Amino acid sequence: MFARQESLGALNLYATAPDAFAPESEILADLLSQHAAVALVGVTREQRLHEALRSRDVIGQAKGILMHRDRLTAQRLSSAERSCVPGPPAAMA
């Protein structure tokens, strides 16, 4: 199963006799695997979005605690955050 060039798994079909599947059955199995891949991508994207929202909430709570504890304005906190973020690596001479 592929979605956007990424392998997400495999759909395995088994039979008790050789050549048990007609070409039409193989086409239907391929379509089923494509639909399953799209569904998996959608679920994965939704899970990541929910996790990002949870993380954002935790970060917001931490900011509120810091602002209260250190009596910071939102602007001062933002400036402090920027000073903590590392810049790009220095170019080697």
N, C-alpha and C. Protein backbone atom coordinates (compact mmCIF):
# COMPACT_ATOMS: atom_id res chain seq x y z
N MET A 1 0.85 -1.17 0.00
CA MET A 1 0.00 0.00 0.00
C MET A 1 0.89 1.23 0.00
N PHE A 2 0.66 2.09 -0.93
CA PHE A 2 1.47 3.29 -1.07
C PHE A 2 0.61 4.53 -1.04
N ALA A 3 1.14 5.57 -0.45
CA ALA A 3 0.53 6.89 -0.50
C ALA A 3 1.67 7.89 -0.58
N ARG A 4 1.68 8.68 -1.63
CA ARG A 4 2.74 9.67 -1.84
C ARG A 4 4.12 9.04 -1.77
N GLN A 5 4.35 8.00 -2.48
CA GLN A 5 5.66 7.34 -2.59
C GLN A 5 6.13 6.70 -1.29
N GLU A 6 5.26 6.60 -0.31
CA GLU A 6 5.64 6.05 0.98
C GLU A 6 4.93 4.71 1.18
N SER A 7 5.69 3.68 1.48
CA SER A 7 5.10 2.37 1.73
C SER A 7 4.48 2.34 3.12
N LEU A 8 3.21 1.98 3.18
CA LEU A 8 2.49 1.96 4.45
C LEU A 8 2.20 0.54 4.93
N GLY A 9 2.43 -0.43 4.10
CA GLY A 9 2.14 -1.82 4.49
C GLY A 9 1.90 -2.65 3.24
N ALA A 10 1.28 -3.79 3.44
CA ALA A 10 1.03 -4.70 2.32
C ALA A 10 -0.33 -5.36 2.51
N LEU A 11 -0.96 -5.66 1.40
CA LEU A 11 -2.20 -6.43 1.40
C LEU A 11 -1.86 -7.79 0.83
N ASN A 12 -1.93 -8.81 1.65
CA ASN A 12 -1.60 -10.17 1.22
C ASN A 12 -2.88 -10.97 1.01
N LEU A 13 -2.95 -11.62 -0.13
CA LEU A 13 -4.09 -12.47 -0.44
C LEU A 13 -3.60 -13.91 -0.56
N TYR A 14 -4.30 -14.83 0.08
CA TYR A 14 -3.90 -16.23 0.06
C TYR A 14 -5.01 -17.08 -0.54
N ALA A 15 -4.63 -18.17 -1.19
CA ALA A 15 -5.59 -19.11 -1.76
C ALA A 15 -5.04 -20.52 -1.60
N THR A 16 -5.92 -21.47 -1.64
CA THR A 16 -5.49 -22.88 -1.50
C THR A 16 -5.05 -23.48 -2.81
N ALA A 17 -5.36 -22.83 -3.92
CA ALA A 17 -4.99 -23.37 -5.24
C ALA A 17 -4.22 -22.30 -6.01
N PRO A 18 -3.31 -22.75 -6.89
CA PRO A 18 -2.59 -21.79 -7.73
C PRO A 18 -3.56 -21.07 -8.68
N ASP A 19 -3.22 -19.86 -9.04
CA ASP A 19 -4.02 -19.06 -9.97
C ASP A 19 -5.49 -18.95 -9.54
N ALA A 20 -5.71 -18.82 -8.24
CA ALA A 20 -7.08 -18.77 -7.72
C ALA A 20 -7.73 -17.41 -7.97
N PHE A 21 -6.93 -16.40 -8.21
CA PHE A 21 -7.49 -15.06 -8.38
C PHE A 21 -7.50 -14.66 -9.85
N ALA A 22 -8.65 -14.23 -10.30
CA ALA A 22 -8.79 -13.73 -11.67
C ALA A 22 -8.17 -12.35 -11.75
N PRO A 23 -7.81 -11.90 -12.94
CA PRO A 23 -7.23 -10.56 -13.09
C PRO A 23 -8.14 -9.47 -12.49
N GLU A 24 -9.45 -9.63 -12.61
CA GLU A 24 -10.38 -8.65 -12.05
C GLU A 24 -10.24 -8.59 -10.53
N SER A 25 -10.01 -9.74 -9.90
CA SER A 25 -9.85 -9.78 -8.45
C SER A 25 -8.58 -9.05 -8.03
N GLU A 26 -7.53 -9.19 -8.82
CA GLU A 26 -6.28 -8.51 -8.51
C GLU A 26 -6.44 -6.99 -8.65
N ILE A 27 -7.22 -6.56 -9.63
CA ILE A 27 -7.48 -5.13 -9.80
C ILE A 27 -8.26 -4.60 -8.61
N LEU A 28 -9.28 -5.35 -8.16
CA LEU A 28 -10.06 -4.93 -7.00
C LEU A 28 -9.20 -4.90 -5.74
N ALA A 29 -8.31 -5.87 -5.59
CA ALA A 29 -7.42 -5.88 -4.42
C ALA A 29 -6.50 -4.67 -4.44
N ASP A 30 -6.01 -4.30 -5.62
CA ASP A 30 -5.16 -3.12 -5.74
C ASP A 30 -5.94 -1.86 -5.36
N LEU A 31 -7.16 -1.75 -5.83
CA LEU A 31 -8.00 -0.59 -5.47
C LEU A 31 -8.25 -0.55 -3.97
N LEU A 32 -8.52 -1.69 -3.37
CA LEU A 32 -8.75 -1.76 -1.93
C LEU A 32 -7.51 -1.30 -1.17
N SER A 33 -6.34 -1.74 -1.62
CA SER A 33 -5.11 -1.34 -0.91
C SER A 33 -4.86 0.16 -1.06
N GLN A 34 -5.21 0.74 -2.21
CA GLN A 34 -5.04 2.18 -2.39
C GLN A 34 -5.98 2.96 -1.46
N HIS A 35 -7.20 2.51 -1.35
CA HIS A 35 -8.15 3.18 -0.44
C HIS A 35 -7.70 3.04 1.01
N ALA A 36 -7.19 1.88 1.37
CA ALA A 36 -6.70 1.67 2.74
C ALA A 36 -5.51 2.59 3.02
N ALA A 37 -4.63 2.77 2.04
CA ALA A 37 -3.47 3.65 2.23
C ALA A 37 -3.92 5.09 2.45
N VAL A 38 -4.90 5.54 1.68
CA VAL A 38 -5.41 6.91 1.85
C VAL A 38 -6.02 7.07 3.24
N ALA A 39 -6.76 6.06 3.69
CA ALA A 39 -7.36 6.12 5.03
C ALA A 39 -6.29 6.17 6.11
N LEU A 40 -5.24 5.38 5.96
CA LEU A 40 -4.15 5.39 6.94
C LEU A 40 -3.46 6.74 7.00
N VAL A 41 -3.23 7.34 5.86
CA VAL A 41 -2.59 8.66 5.83
C VAL A 41 -3.49 9.67 6.54
N GLY A 42 -4.79 9.61 6.29
CA GLY A 42 -5.72 10.53 6.95
C GLY A 42 -5.73 10.38 8.45
N VAL A 43 -5.74 9.15 8.92
CA VAL A 43 -5.75 8.89 10.36
C VAL A 43 -4.44 9.37 10.99
N THR A 44 -3.33 9.08 10.34
CA THR A 44 -2.02 9.50 10.86
C THR A 44 -1.94 11.02 10.94
N ARG A 45 -2.41 11.70 9.91
CA ARG A 45 -2.39 13.16 9.90
C ARG A 45 -3.26 13.72 11.03
N GLU A 46 -4.42 13.12 11.24
CA GLU A 46 -5.32 13.59 12.30
C GLU A 46 -4.69 13.37 13.68
N GLN A 47 -4.03 12.22 13.87
CA GLN A 47 -3.37 11.96 15.15
C GLN A 47 -2.26 12.97 15.42
N ARG A 48 -1.49 13.28 14.39
CA ARG A 48 -0.41 14.27 14.55
C ARG A 48 -0.97 15.66 14.86
N LEU A 49 -2.08 16.00 14.24
CA LEU A 49 -2.69 17.30 14.51
C LEU A 49 -3.15 17.38 15.96
N HIS A 50 -3.79 16.33 16.46
CA HIS A 50 -4.24 16.33 17.86
C HIS A 50 -3.05 16.42 18.82
N GLU A 51 -1.97 15.73 18.50
CA GLU A 51 -0.77 15.80 19.35
C GLU A 51 -0.19 17.21 19.34
N ALA A 52 -0.18 17.85 18.18
CA ALA A 52 0.33 19.22 18.09
C ALA A 52 -0.52 20.16 18.92
N LEU A 53 -1.83 19.97 18.89
CA LEU A 53 -2.71 20.82 19.69
C LEU A 53 -2.48 20.61 21.18
N ARG A 54 -2.29 19.36 21.59
CA ARG A 54 -2.00 19.09 23.00
C ARG A 54 -0.68 19.75 23.42
N SER A 55 0.33 19.64 22.56
CA SER A 55 1.62 20.26 22.86
C SER A 55 1.50 21.77 22.96
N ARG A 56 0.71 22.35 22.05
CA ARG A 56 0.52 23.80 22.08
C ARG A 56 -0.13 24.23 23.39
N ASP A 57 -1.09 23.45 23.87
CA ASP A 57 -1.74 23.78 25.14
C ASP A 57 -0.74 23.73 26.29
N VAL A 58 0.10 22.73 26.33
CA VAL A 58 1.09 22.61 27.40
C VAL A 58 2.08 23.77 27.35
N ILE A 59 2.51 24.13 26.15
CA ILE A 59 3.43 25.26 26.00
C ILE A 59 2.77 26.54 26.47
N GLY A 60 1.49 26.73 26.13
CA GLY A 60 0.77 27.92 26.58
C GLY A 60 0.66 27.98 28.10
N GLN A 61 0.42 26.82 28.72
CA GLN A 61 0.35 26.78 30.18
C GLN A 61 1.70 27.14 30.79
N ALA A 62 2.77 26.61 30.22
CA ALA A 62 4.11 26.91 30.74
C ALA A 62 4.42 28.40 30.59
N LYS A 63 4.02 28.98 29.47
CA LYS A 63 4.25 30.42 29.29
C LYS A 63 3.50 31.22 30.35
N GLY A 64 2.27 30.81 30.62
CA GLY A 64 1.50 31.51 31.64
C GLY A 64 2.14 31.42 33.01
N ILE A 65 2.67 30.26 33.34
CA ILE A 65 3.36 30.09 34.62
C ILE A 65 4.58 30.99 34.69
N LEU A 66 5.37 31.02 33.62
CA LEU A 66 6.57 31.87 33.60
C LEU A 66 6.20 33.35 33.69
N MET A 67 5.16 33.76 32.98
CA MET A 67 4.75 35.16 33.01
C MET A 67 4.31 35.55 34.43
N HIS A 68 3.59 34.67 35.07
CA HIS A 68 3.12 34.96 36.43
C HIS A 68 4.29 34.96 37.42
N ARG A 69 5.10 33.91 37.35
CA ARG A 69 6.20 33.76 38.30
C ARG A 69 7.21 34.89 38.18
N ASP A 70 7.58 35.22 36.94
CA ASP A 70 8.62 36.22 36.72
C ASP A 70 8.06 37.60 36.40
N ARG A 71 6.76 37.74 36.49
CA ARG A 71 6.08 39.01 36.22
C ARG A 71 6.49 39.58 34.85
N LEU A 72 6.37 38.73 33.83
CA LEU A 72 6.75 39.13 32.47
C LEU A 72 5.52 39.50 31.66
N THR A 73 5.67 40.46 30.78
CA THR A 73 4.62 40.74 29.80
C THR A 73 4.79 39.74 28.66
N ALA A 74 3.77 39.63 27.84
CA ALA A 74 3.85 38.72 26.69
C ALA A 74 5.01 39.11 25.78
N GLN A 75 5.23 40.42 25.63
CA GLN A 75 6.32 40.90 24.76
C GLN A 75 7.68 40.51 25.34
N ARG A 76 7.86 40.68 26.63
CA ARG A 76 9.15 40.33 27.25
C ARG A 76 9.38 38.82 27.19
N LEU A 77 8.32 38.05 27.39
CA LEU A 77 8.47 36.60 27.30
C LEU A 77 8.86 36.18 25.89
N SER A 78 8.23 36.81 24.90
CA SER A 78 8.55 36.51 23.51
C SER A 78 10.01 36.83 23.20
N SER A 79 10.50 37.96 23.72
CA SER A 79 11.91 38.33 23.53
C SER A 79 12.83 37.32 24.19
N ALA A 80 12.46 36.87 25.38
CA ALA A 80 13.27 35.87 26.08
C ALA A 80 13.28 34.55 25.32
N GLU A 81 12.15 34.17 24.73
CA GLU A 81 12.09 32.94 23.94
C GLU A 81 13.03 33.02 22.75
N ARG A 82 13.00 34.14 22.05
CA ARG A 82 13.86 34.30 20.87
C ARG A 82 15.34 34.23 21.24
N SER A 83 15.69 34.74 22.42
CA SER A 83 17.10 34.72 22.81
C SER A 83 17.56 33.31 23.17
N CYS A 84 16.62 32.41 23.43
CA CYS A 84 16.97 31.02 23.78
C CYS A 84 17.08 30.10 22.57
N VAL A 85 16.56 30.55 21.43
CA VAL A 85 16.56 29.72 20.23
C VAL A 85 17.92 29.85 19.56
N PRO A 86 18.59 28.72 19.32
CA PRO A 86 19.89 28.81 18.67
C PRO A 86 19.74 29.26 17.21
N GLY A 87 20.70 30.03 16.77
CA GLY A 87 20.69 30.50 15.38
C GLY A 87 21.29 29.44 14.46
N PRO A 88 21.46 29.79 13.21
CA PRO A 88 22.08 28.85 12.28
C PRO A 88 23.53 28.60 12.65
N PRO A 89 24.06 27.45 12.29
CA PRO A 89 25.46 27.16 12.63
C PRO A 89 26.39 28.18 11.99
N ALA A 90 27.45 28.51 12.70
CA ALA A 90 28.42 29.47 12.19
C ALA A 90 29.15 28.86 11.00
N ALA A 91 29.41 29.70 10.00
CA ALA A 91 30.14 29.23 8.83
C ALA A 91 31.59 28.97 9.21
N MET A 92 32.12 27.92 8.64
CA MET A 92 33.51 27.58 8.93
C MET A 92 34.41 28.37 7.99
N ALA A 93 35.46 28.94 8.52
CA ALA A 93 36.38 29.76 7.72
C ALA A 93 37.44 28.91 7.08
